[in-house]
Amino acid sequence: MLVVLSLLVGIGLGVGLHPVVPPSWAPYLPMAVMAALDSVFGGLRARFEGTFNDRVFVISFLSNAILAALLVWAGTRLGVQEMEIAVVVVFGVRIFQNLAAIRRILFHA
């Protein structure tokens, strides 16, 4: 319940405060969000499977977000604009895999 409440408070603050992202951060923030979503769905999957560990979740959450931002930064420095697409594809696939596993657990399908 605390997680859901925290999520709602975070969404409310984001909508209410309209935070401004510096233009230099603009390419990195969506990748970090995708990585964070991957960690959230991975945590949900682990919770439903009974293997959830809060330390693993926090480390996964932070390391995925940082790694995604660093990959995009490195790609930008090397002139490889497709690095953003690669990050989105990788984390998108992982998110869909976790959702499929959650669906199988919940609906026994």
C-alpha atoms as a PDB file:
ATOM      1  CA  MET A   1       0.000   0.000   0.000  1.00  0.00           C
ATOM      2  CA  LEU A   2       2.881   2.347   0.778  1.00  0.00           C
ATOM      3  CA  VAL A   3       4.272   1.849  -2.728  1.00  0.00           C
ATOM      4  CA  VAL A   4       0.964   2.770  -4.372  1.00  0.00           C
ATOM      5  CA  LEU A   5       0.599   5.820  -2.128  1.00  0.00           C
ATOM      6  CA  SER A   6       4.168   6.905  -2.930  1.00  0.00           C
ATOM      7  CA  LEU A   7       3.510   6.480  -6.641  1.00  0.00           C
ATOM      8  CA  LEU A   8       0.347   8.587  -6.470  1.00  0.00           C
ATOM      9  CA  VAL A   9       2.113  11.309  -4.466  1.00  0.00           C
ATOM     10  CA  GLY A  10       4.982  11.345  -6.995  1.00  0.00           C
ATOM     11  CA  ILE A  11       2.594  11.612  -9.945  1.00  0.00           C
ATOM     12  CA  GLY A  12       0.658  14.356  -8.166  1.00  0.00           C
ATOM     13  CA  LEU A  13       3.827  16.333  -7.469  1.00  0.00           C
ATOM     14  CA  GLY A  14       4.974  15.947 -11.052  1.00  0.00           C
ATOM     15  CA  VAL A  15       1.662  17.121 -12.466  1.00  0.00           C
ATOM     16  CA  GLY A  16       1.209  19.895  -9.921  1.00  0.00           C
ATOM     17  CA  LEU A  17       4.712  21.363  -9.903  1.00  0.00           C
ATOM     18  CA  HIS A  18       5.472  21.058 -13.631  1.00  0.00           C
ATOM     19  CA  PRO A  19       9.197  20.425 -13.170  1.00  0.00           C
ATOM     20  CA  VAL A  20      11.444  21.820 -15.884  1.00  0.00           C
ATOM     21  CA  VAL A  21      14.053  19.499 -17.336  1.00  0.00           C
ATOM     22  CA  PRO A  22      17.163  21.249 -18.631  1.00  0.00           C
ATOM     23  CA  PRO A  23      17.533  20.780 -22.405  1.00  0.00           C
ATOM     24  CA  SER A  24      20.905  19.113 -21.886  1.00  0.00           C
ATOM     25  CA  TRP A  25      19.185  16.350 -19.864  1.00  0.00           C
ATOM     26  CA  ALA A  26      16.320  15.846 -22.315  1.00  0.00           C
ATOM     27  CA  PRO A  27      17.797  12.860 -24.192  1.00  0.00           C
ATOM     28  CA  TYR A  28      18.712  11.018 -20.995  1.00  0.00           C
ATOM     29  CA  LEU A  29      15.576  11.333 -18.888  1.00  0.00           C
ATOM     30  CA  PRO A  30      13.285   9.157 -21.068  1.00  0.00           C
ATOM     31  CA  MET A  31      15.897   6.390 -21.078  1.00  0.00           C
ATOM     32  CA  ALA A  32      16.215   6.525 -17.306  1.00  0.00           C
ATOM     33  CA  VAL A  33      12.417   6.370 -17.018  1.00  0.00           C
ATOM     34  CA  MET A  34      12.283   3.309 -19.297  1.00  0.00           C
ATOM     35  CA  ALA A  35      14.943   1.629 -17.178  1.00  0.00           C
ATOM     36  CA  ALA A  36      13.074   2.498 -13.992  1.00  0.00           C
ATOM     37  CA  LEU A  37       9.838   1.082 -15.442  1.00  0.00           C
ATOM     38  CA  ASP A  38      11.706  -2.103 -16.290  1.00  0.00           C
ATOM     39  CA  SER A  39      12.802  -2.374 -12.670  1.00  0.00           C
ATOM     40  CA  VAL A  40       9.285  -1.711 -11.395  1.00  0.00           C
ATOM     41  CA  PHE A  41       7.753  -4.430 -13.567  1.00  0.00           C
ATOM     42  CA  GLY A  42      10.604  -6.775 -12.668  1.00  0.00           C
ATOM     43  CA  GLY A  43       9.883  -6.078  -9.000  1.00  0.00           C
ATOM     44  CA  LEU A  44       6.181  -6.796  -9.514  1.00  0.00           C
ATOM     45  CA  ARG A  45       7.040 -10.046 -11.249  1.00  0.00           C
ATOM     46  CA  ALA A  46       9.363 -11.053  -8.403  1.00  0.00           C
ATOM     47  CA  ARG A  47       6.666 -10.138  -5.884  1.00  0.00           C
ATOM     48  CA  PHE A  48       4.112 -12.373  -7.609  1.00  0.00           C
ATOM     49  CA  GLU A  49       6.679 -15.176  -7.874  1.00  0.00           C
ATOM     50  CA  GLY A  50       7.505 -14.827  -4.173  1.00  0.00           C
ATOM     51  CA  THR A  51      11.157 -13.963  -4.772  1.00  0.00           C
ATOM     52  CA  PHE A  52      11.059 -10.193  -4.140  1.00  0.00           C
ATOM     53  CA  ASN A  53      14.012  -8.698  -2.273  1.00  0.00           C
ATOM     54  CA  ASP A  54      13.919  -4.984  -1.513  1.00  0.00           C
ATOM     55  CA  ARG A  55      17.699  -4.573  -1.692  1.00  0.00           C
ATOM     56  CA  VAL A  56      17.843  -6.220  -5.102  1.00  0.00           C
ATOM     57  CA  PHE A  57      14.977  -3.997  -6.271  1.00  0.00           C
ATOM     58  CA  VAL A  58      16.630  -0.753  -5.161  1.00  0.00           C
ATOM     59  CA  ILE A  59      19.993  -1.723  -6.662  1.00  0.00           C
ATOM     60  CA  SER A  60      18.308  -2.836  -9.886  1.00  0.00           C
ATOM     61  CA  PHE A  61      16.244   0.357 -10.048  1.00  0.00           C
ATOM     62  CA  LEU A  62      19.223   2.667  -9.598  1.00  0.00           C
ATOM     63  CA  SER A  63      21.709   0.709 -11.705  1.00  0.00           C
ATOM     64  CA  ASN A  64      19.267   0.324 -14.633  1.00  0.00           C
ATOM     65  CA  ALA A  65      18.446   4.039 -14.664  1.00  0.00           C
ATOM     66  CA  ILE A  66      22.101   5.069 -14.420  1.00  0.00           C
ATOM     67  CA  LEU A  67      23.228   2.532 -17.027  1.00  0.00           C
ATOM     68  CA  ALA A  68      20.563   3.644 -19.503  1.00  0.00           C
ATOM     69  CA  ALA A  69      21.515   7.302 -19.093  1.00  0.00           C
ATOM     70  CA  LEU A  70      25.233   6.462 -19.427  1.00  0.00           C
ATOM     71  CA  LEU A  71      24.632   4.425 -22.591  1.00  0.00           C
ATOM     72  CA  VAL A  72      22.769   7.300 -24.197  1.00  0.00           C
ATOM     73  CA  TRP A  73      25.448   9.753 -23.048  1.00  0.00           C
ATOM     74  CA  ALA A  74      28.184   7.567 -24.521  1.00  0.00           C
ATOM     75  CA  GLY A  75      26.226   7.162 -27.742  1.00  0.00           C
ATOM     76  CA  THR A  76      25.785  10.928 -27.989  1.00  0.00           C
ATOM     77  CA  ARG A  77      29.504  11.523 -27.390  1.00  0.00           C
ATOM     78  CA  LEU A  78      30.406   8.920 -30.034  1.00  0.00           C
ATOM     79  CA  GLY A  79      27.879  10.288 -32.506  1.00  0.00           C
ATOM     80  CA  VAL A  80      25.685   7.171 -32.398  1.00  0.00           C
ATOM     81  CA  GLN A  81      22.126   8.518 -32.251  1.00  0.00           C
ATOM     82  CA  GLU A  82      20.677   5.020 -32.564  1.00  0.00           C
ATOM     83  CA  MET A  83      21.836   4.236 -29.029  1.00  0.00           C
ATOM     84  CA  GLU A  84      18.598   5.765 -27.719  1.00  0.00           C
ATOM     85  CA  ILE A  85      16.611   3.397 -29.914  1.00  0.00           C
ATOM     86  CA  ALA A  86      18.643   0.429 -28.687  1.00  0.00           C
ATOM     87  CA  VAL A  87      17.985   1.334 -25.057  1.00  0.00           C
ATOM     88  CA  VAL A  88      14.251   1.741 -25.682  1.00  0.00           C
ATOM     89  CA  VAL A  89      14.084  -1.583 -27.526  1.00  0.00           C
ATOM     90  CA  VAL A  90      16.001  -3.504 -24.848  1.00  0.00           C
ATOM     91  CA  PHE A  91      14.015  -2.133 -21.936  1.00  0.00           C
ATOM     92  CA  GLY A  92      10.767  -2.331 -23.897  1.00  0.00           C
ATOM     93  CA  VAL A  93      11.314  -6.024 -24.562  1.00  0.00           C
ATOM     94  CA  ARG A  94      12.131  -6.651 -20.907  1.00  0.00           C
ATOM     95  CA  ILE A  95       9.016  -4.761 -19.788  1.00  0.00           C
ATOM     96  CA  PHE A  96       6.824  -6.852 -22.108  1.00  0.00           C
ATOM     97  CA  GLN A  97       8.489 -10.063 -20.893  1.00  0.00           C
ATOM     98  CA  ASN A  98       7.787  -9.118 -17.285  1.00  0.00           C
ATOM     99  CA  LEU A  99       4.188  -8.190 -18.136  1.00  0.00           C
ATOM    100  CA  ALA A 100       3.721 -11.537 -19.892  1.00  0.00           C
ATOM    101  CA  ALA A 101       5.052 -13.373 -16.830  1.00  0.00           C
ATOM    102  CA  ILE A 102       2.763 -11.352 -14.545  1.00  0.00           C
ATOM    103  CA  ARG A 103      -0.194 -12.134 -16.798  1.00  0.00           C
ATOM    104  CA  ARG A 104       0.632 -15.851 -16.712  1.00  0.00           C
ATOM    105  CA  ILE A 105       0.847 -15.778 -12.924  1.00  0.00           C
ATOM    106  CA  LEU A 106      -2.379 -13.821 -12.419  1.00  0.00           C
ATOM    107  CA  PHE A 107      -4.525 -15.555 -15.027  1.00  0.00           C
ATOM    108  CA  HIS A 108      -2.820 -18.958 -15.040  1.00  0.00           C
ATOM    109  CA  ALA A 109      -2.494 -18.667 -18.799  1.00  0.00           C
END
